[in-house]
């Protein structure tokens, strides 16, 4: 197998990496509460944790 005779230059490495840019996350509005949140993530509404329009976790108040 042939091996490179010398390592890649900084310019070649930088130009290859320049195309890999983080995309803008997709935001969605919750139909029940109207909160804007990232898709496929649980989000906080008041004291409740919501996912796919359902309450997943409720914060119990200590008395």
PDB file of N, CA and C in Angstrom:
ATOM      1  N   UNK A   1       0.837  -1.186   0.000  1.00  0.00           N
ATOM      2  CA  UNK A   1       0.000   0.000   0.000  1.00  0.00           C
ATOM      3  C   UNK A   1       0.883   1.250   0.000  1.00  0.00           C
ATOM      4  N   UNK A   2       0.581   2.181  -0.862  1.00  0.00           N
ATOM      5  CA  UNK A   2       1.375   3.412  -0.867  1.00  0.00           C
ATOM      6  C   UNK A   2       1.032   4.294   0.330  1.00  0.00           C
ATOM      7  N   UNK A   3       2.052   4.932   0.853  1.00  0.00           N
ATOM      8  CA  UNK A   3       1.885   5.846   1.973  1.00  0.00           C
ATOM      9  C   UNK A   3       2.242   7.251   1.522  1.00  0.00           C
ATOM     10  N   UNK A   4       1.623   8.273   2.146  1.00  0.00           N
ATOM     11  CA  UNK A   4       1.986   9.645   1.763  1.00  0.00           C
ATOM     12  C   UNK A   4       3.431   9.948   2.145  1.00  0.00           C
ATOM     13  N   UNK A   5       4.109  10.660   1.270  1.00  0.00           N
ATOM     14  CA  UNK A   5       5.514  10.986   1.506  1.00  0.00           C
ATOM     15  C   UNK A   5       5.662  12.078   2.559  1.00  0.00           C
ATOM     16  N   UNK A   6       4.669  12.968   2.623  1.00  0.00           N
ATOM     17  CA  UNK A   6       4.681  14.005   3.649  1.00  0.00           C
ATOM     18  C   UNK A   6       3.241  14.266   4.078  1.00  0.00           C
ATOM     19  N   UNK A   7       3.082  14.978   5.183  1.00  0.00           N
ATOM     20  CA  UNK A   7       1.737  15.212   5.689  1.00  0.00           C
ATOM     21  C   UNK A   7       1.036  16.315   4.892  1.00  0.00           C
ATOM     22  N   UNK A   8      -0.298  16.360   5.020  1.00  0.00           N
ATOM     23  CA  UNK A   8      -1.066  17.376   4.301  1.00  0.00           C
ATOM     24  C   UNK A   8      -0.769  18.764   4.856  1.00  0.00           C
ATOM     25  N   UNK A   9      -0.863  19.757   4.002  1.00  0.00           N
ATOM     26  CA  UNK A   9      -0.635  21.129   4.437  1.00  0.00           C
ATOM     27  C   UNK A   9      -1.832  21.615   5.248  1.00  0.00           C
ATOM     28  N   UNK A  10      -1.623  22.706   5.983  1.00  0.00           N
ATOM     29  CA  UNK A  10      -2.694  23.288   6.787  1.00  0.00           C
ATOM     30  C   UNK A  10      -3.819  23.806   5.894  1.00  0.00           C
ATOM     31  N   UNK A  11      -3.457  24.344   4.735  1.00  0.00           N
ATOM     32  CA  UNK A  11      -4.471  24.883   3.825  1.00  0.00           C
ATOM     33  C   UNK A  11      -5.369  23.772   3.280  1.00  0.00           C
ATOM     34  N   UNK A  12      -4.785  22.656   2.931  1.00  0.00           N
ATOM     35  CA  UNK A  12      -5.573  21.536   2.410  1.00  0.00           C
ATOM     36  C   UNK A  12      -6.526  21.007   3.493  1.00  0.00           C
ATOM     37  N   UNK A  13      -6.029  20.894   4.714  1.00  0.00           N
ATOM     38  CA  UNK A  13      -6.851  20.410   5.817  1.00  0.00           C
ATOM     39  C   UNK A  13      -7.974  21.398   6.124  1.00  0.00           C
ATOM     40  N   UNK A  14      -7.655  22.698   6.147  1.00  0.00           N
ATOM     41  CA  UNK A  14      -8.652  23.722   6.455  1.00  0.00           C
ATOM     42  C   UNK A  14      -9.719  23.802   5.377  1.00  0.00           C
ATOM     43  N   UNK A  15      -9.326  23.660   4.113  1.00  0.00           N
ATOM     44  CA  UNK A  15     -10.314  23.745   3.037  1.00  0.00           C
ATOM     45  C   UNK A  15     -11.238  22.527   3.043  1.00  0.00           C
ATOM     46  N   UNK A  16     -10.734  21.388   3.454  1.00  0.00           N
ATOM     47  CA  UNK A  16     -11.586  20.206   3.559  1.00  0.00           C
ATOM     48  C   UNK A  16     -12.579  20.360   4.715  1.00  0.00           C
ATOM     49  N   UNK A  17     -12.128  20.928   5.830  1.00  0.00           N
ATOM     50  CA  UNK A  17     -12.994  21.081   7.004  1.00  0.00           C
ATOM     51  C   UNK A  17     -13.979  22.229   6.862  1.00  0.00           C
ATOM     52  N   UNK A  18     -13.739  23.140   5.922  1.00  0.00           N
ATOM     53  CA  UNK A  18     -14.585  24.332   5.815  1.00  0.00           C
ATOM     54  C   UNK A  18     -16.006  24.001   5.362  1.00  0.00           C
ATOM     55  N   UNK A  19     -16.217  22.848   4.743  1.00  0.00           N
ATOM     56  CA  UNK A  19     -17.553  22.501   4.272  1.00  0.00           C
ATOM     57  C   UNK A  19     -18.413  21.872   5.360  1.00  0.00           C
ATOM     58  N   UNK A  20     -17.798  21.469   6.459  1.00  0.00           N
ATOM     59  CA  UNK A  20     -18.535  20.830   7.545  1.00  0.00           C
ATOM     60  C   UNK A  20     -18.977  21.890   8.538  1.00  0.00           C
ATOM     61  N   UNK A  21     -20.174  22.406   8.346  1.00  0.00           N
ATOM     62  CA  UNK A  21     -20.703  23.476   9.172  1.00  0.00           C
ATOM     63  C   UNK A  21     -21.915  22.934   9.914  1.00  0.00           C
ATOM     64  N   UNK A  22     -22.046  23.302  11.169  1.00  0.00           N
ATOM     65  CA  UNK A  22     -23.209  22.884  11.947  1.00  0.00           C
ATOM     66  C   UNK A  22     -24.449  23.561  11.382  1.00  0.00           C
ATOM     67  N   UNK A  23     -25.514  22.790  11.217  1.00  0.00           N
ATOM     68  CA  UNK A  23     -26.751  23.325  10.674  1.00  0.00           C
ATOM     69  C   UNK A  23     -27.586  24.029  11.729  1.00  0.00           C
ATOM     70  N   UNK A  24     -28.601  24.718  11.299  1.00  0.00           N
ATOM     71  CA  UNK A  24     -29.509  25.411  12.202  1.00  0.00           C
ATOM     72  C   UNK A  24     -30.503  24.390  12.742  1.00  0.00           C
ATOM     73  N   UNK A  25     -30.709  24.327  14.067  1.00  0.00           N
ATOM     74  CA  UNK A  25     -31.644  23.340  14.606  1.00  0.00           C
ATOM     75  C   UNK A  25     -33.082  23.669  14.208  1.00  0.00           C
ATOM     76  N   UNK A  26     -33.885  22.622  14.000  1.00  0.00           N
ATOM     77  CA  UNK A  26     -35.277  22.794  13.615  1.00  0.00           C
ATOM     78  C   UNK A  26     -36.102  23.078  14.862  1.00  0.00           C
ATOM     79  N   UNK A  27     -36.849  24.166  14.858  1.00  0.00           N
ATOM     80  CA  UNK A  27     -37.688  24.545  15.987  1.00  0.00           C
ATOM     81  C   UNK A  27     -39.152  24.295  15.649  1.00  0.00           C
ATOM     82  N   UNK A  28     -39.922  23.924  16.663  1.00  0.00           N
ATOM     83  CA  UNK A  28     -41.329  23.619  16.505  1.00  0.00           C
ATOM     84  C   UNK A  28     -42.109  24.322  17.594  1.00  0.00           C
ATOM     85  N   UNK A  29     -43.344  24.693  17.300  1.00  0.00           N
ATOM     86  CA  UNK A  29     -44.228  25.277  18.291  1.00  0.00           C
ATOM     87  C   UNK A  29     -45.157  24.197  18.826  1.00  0.00           C
ATOM     88  N   UNK A  30     -45.197  24.069  20.145  1.00  0.00           N
ATOM     89  CA  UNK A  30     -46.056  23.072  20.778  1.00  0.00           C
ATOM     90  C   UNK A  30     -47.509  23.509  20.630  1.00  0.00           C
ATOM     91  N   UNK A  31     -48.384  22.653  20.081  1.00  0.00           N
ATOM     92  CA  UNK A  31     -49.769  23.064  19.872  1.00  0.00           C
ATOM     93  C   UNK A  31     -50.557  23.278  21.170  1.00  0.00           C
ATOM     94  N   UNK A  32     -50.170  22.589  22.248  1.00  0.00           N
ATOM     95  CA  UNK A  32     -50.907  22.715  23.511  1.00  0.00           C
ATOM     96  C   UNK A  32     -50.527  23.974  24.281  1.00  0.00           C
ATOM     97  N   UNK A  33     -49.217  24.233  24.410  1.00  0.00           N
ATOM     98  CA  UNK A  33     -48.772  25.353  25.248  1.00  0.00           C
ATOM     99  C   UNK A  33     -48.277  26.545  24.446  1.00  0.00           C
ATOM    100  N   UNK A  34     -47.955  26.361  23.180  1.00  0.00           N
ATOM    101  CA  UNK A  34     -47.442  27.449  22.368  1.00  0.00           C
ATOM    102  C   UNK A  34     -45.963  27.704  22.569  1.00  0.00           C
ATOM    103  N   UNK A  35     -45.275  26.835  23.301  1.00  0.00           N
ATOM    104  CA  UNK A  35     -43.850  26.992  23.538  1.00  0.00           C
ATOM    105  C   UNK A  35     -43.058  26.617  22.277  1.00  0.00           C
ATOM    106  N   UNK A  36     -41.991  27.342  22.014  1.00  0.00           N
ATOM    107  CA  UNK A  36     -41.103  27.009  20.906  1.00  0.00           C
ATOM    108  C   UNK A  36     -39.988  26.141  21.476  1.00  0.00           C
ATOM    109  N   UNK A  37     -39.742  24.981  20.853  1.00  0.00           N
ATOM    110  CA  UNK A  37     -38.738  24.051  21.368  1.00  0.00           C
ATOM    111  C   UNK A  37     -38.076  23.320  20.214  1.00  0.00           C
ATOM    112  N   UNK A  38     -36.967  22.653  20.515  1.00  0.00           N
ATOM    113  CA  UNK A  38     -36.277  21.848  19.515  1.00  0.00           C
ATOM    114  C   UNK A  38     -37.040  20.549  19.312  1.00  0.00           C
ATOM    115  N   UNK A  39     -37.075  20.086  18.066  1.00  0.00           N
ATOM    116  CA  UNK A  39     -37.797  18.843  17.759  1.00  0.00           C
ATOM    117  C   UNK A  39     -37.089  17.649  18.386  1.00  0.00           C
ATOM    118  N   UNK A  40     -37.867  16.648  18.761  1.00  0.00           N
ATOM    119  CA  UNK A  40     -37.379  15.394  19.329  1.00  0.00           C
ATOM    120  C   UNK A  40     -36.612  15.601  20.627  1.00  0.00           C
ATOM    121  N   UNK A  41     -36.972  16.629  21.382  1.00  0.00           N
ATOM    122  CA  UNK A  41     -36.374  16.895  22.687  1.00  0.00           C
ATOM    123  C   UNK A  41     -37.493  17.206  23.673  1.00  0.00           C
ATOM    124  N   UNK A  42     -37.321  16.804  24.905  1.00  0.00           N
ATOM    125  CA  UNK A  42     -38.264  17.174  25.953  1.00  0.00           C
ATOM    126  C   UNK A  42     -38.052  18.650  26.276  1.00  0.00           C
ATOM    127  N   UNK A  43     -39.139  19.358  26.614  1.00  0.00           N
ATOM    128  CA  UNK A  43     -39.015  20.777  26.919  1.00  0.00           C
ATOM    129  C   UNK A  43     -39.831  21.110  28.162  1.00  0.00           C
ATOM    130  N   UNK A  44     -39.402  22.160  28.850  1.00  0.00           N
ATOM    131  CA  UNK A  44     -39.986  22.578  30.115  1.00  0.00           C
ATOM    132  C   UNK A  44     -41.140  23.534  29.868  1.00  0.00           C
ATOM    133  N   UNK A  45     -42.292  23.241  30.478  1.00  0.00           N
ATOM    134  CA  UNK A  45     -43.449  24.137  30.458  1.00  0.00           C
ATOM    135  C   UNK A  45     -43.879  24.313  31.897  1.00  0.00           C
ATOM    136  N   UNK A  46     -43.521  25.458  32.495  1.00  0.00           N
ATOM    137  CA  UNK A  46     -43.809  25.665  33.913  1.00  0.00           C
ATOM    138  C   UNK A  46     -42.989  24.703  34.752  1.00  0.00           C
ATOM    139  N   UNK A  47     -43.675  23.856  35.534  1.00  0.00           N
ATOM    140  CA  UNK A  47     -42.996  22.838  36.329  1.00  0.00           C
ATOM    141  C   UNK A  47     -43.058  21.464  35.678  1.00  0.00           C
ATOM    142  N   UNK A  48     -43.649  21.366  34.502  1.00  0.00           N
ATOM    143  CA  UNK A  48     -43.815  20.078  33.830  1.00  0.00           C
ATOM    144  C   UNK A  48     -42.775  19.905  32.720  1.00  0.00           C
ATOM    145  N   UNK A  49     -42.396  18.660  32.506  1.00  0.00           N
ATOM    146  CA  UNK A  49     -41.510  18.313  31.411  1.00  0.00           C
ATOM    147  C   UNK A  49     -42.367  17.626  30.360  1.00  0.00           C
ATOM    148  N   UNK A  50     -42.431  18.216  29.148  1.00  0.00           N
ATOM    149  CA  UNK A  50     -43.312  17.727  28.089  1.00  0.00           C
ATOM    150  C   UNK A  50     -42.487  17.057  26.995  1.00  0.00           C
ATOM    151  N   UNK A  51     -43.067  16.009  26.383  1.00  0.00           N
ATOM    152  CA  UNK A  51     -42.487  15.366  25.221  1.00  0.00           C
ATOM    153  C   UNK A  51     -43.620  14.822  24.375  1.00  0.00           C
ATOM    154  N   UNK A  52     -43.646  15.203  23.092  1.00  0.00           N
ATOM    155  CA  UNK A  52     -44.668  14.788  22.127  1.00  0.00           C
ATOM    156  C   UNK A  52     -46.084  15.109  22.622  1.00  0.00           C
ATOM    157  N   UNK A  53     -46.247  16.274  23.243  1.00  0.00           N
ATOM    158  CA  UNK A  53     -47.554  16.740  23.670  1.00  0.00           C
ATOM    159  C   UNK A  53     -48.069  16.112  24.947  1.00  0.00           C
ATOM    160  N   UNK A  54     -47.249  15.337  25.645  1.00  0.00           N
ATOM    161  CA  UNK A  54     -47.668  14.677  26.878  1.00  0.00           C
ATOM    162  C   UNK A  54     -46.744  15.060  28.018  1.00  0.00           C
ATOM    163  N   UNK A  55     -47.279  15.057  29.231  1.00  0.00           N
ATOM    164  CA  UNK A  55     -46.476  15.354  30.410  1.00  0.00           C
ATOM    165  C   UNK A  55     -45.668  14.110  30.750  1.00  0.00           C
ATOM    166  N   UNK A  56     -44.349  14.264  30.791  1.00  0.00           N
ATOM    167  CA  UNK A  56     -43.469  13.144  31.103  1.00  0.00           C
ATOM    168  C   UNK A  56     -43.105  13.147  32.575  1.00  0.00           C
ATOM    169  N   UNK A  57     -42.857  14.341  33.129  1.00  0.00           N
ATOM    170  CA  UNK A  57     -42.407  14.458  34.499  1.00  0.00           C
ATOM    171  C   UNK A  57     -43.011  15.712  35.105  1.00  0.00           C
ATOM    172  N   UNK A  58     -43.507  15.582  36.329  1.00  0.00           N
ATOM    173  CA  UNK A  58     -44.067  16.730  37.051  1.00  0.00           C
ATOM    174  C   UNK A  58     -43.244  16.941  38.307  1.00  0.00           C
ATOM    175  N   UNK A  59     -42.867  18.188  38.539  1.00  0.00           N
ATOM    176  CA  UNK A  59     -42.086  18.502  39.731  1.00  0.00           C
ATOM    177  C   UNK A  59     -43.023  18.560  40.925  1.00  0.00           C
ATOM    178  N   UNK A  60     -42.807  17.674  41.899  1.00  0.00           N
ATOM    179  CA  UNK A  60     -43.635  17.648  43.110  1.00  0.00           C
ATOM    180  C   UNK A  60     -43.185  18.728  44.057  1.00  0.00           C
ATOM    181  N   UNK A  61     -44.145  19.459  44.615  1.00  0.00           N
ATOM    182  CA  UNK A  61     -43.819  20.531  45.549  1.00  0.00           C
ATOM    183  C   UNK A  61     -43.619  19.954  46.943  1.00  0.00           C
ATOM    184  N   UNK A  62     -42.501  20.282  47.564  1.00  0.00           N
ATOM    185  CA  UNK A  62     -42.210  19.816  48.934  1.00  0.00           C
ATOM    186  C   UNK A  62     -42.985  20.664  49.919  1.00  0.00           C
ATOM    187  N   UNK A  63     -43.663  20.001  50.802  1.00  0.00           N
ATOM    188  CA  UNK A  63     -44.469  20.726  51.813  1.00  0.00           C
ATOM    189  C   UNK A  63     -43.941  20.455  53.197  1.00  0.00           C
TER     190      UNK A  63
END
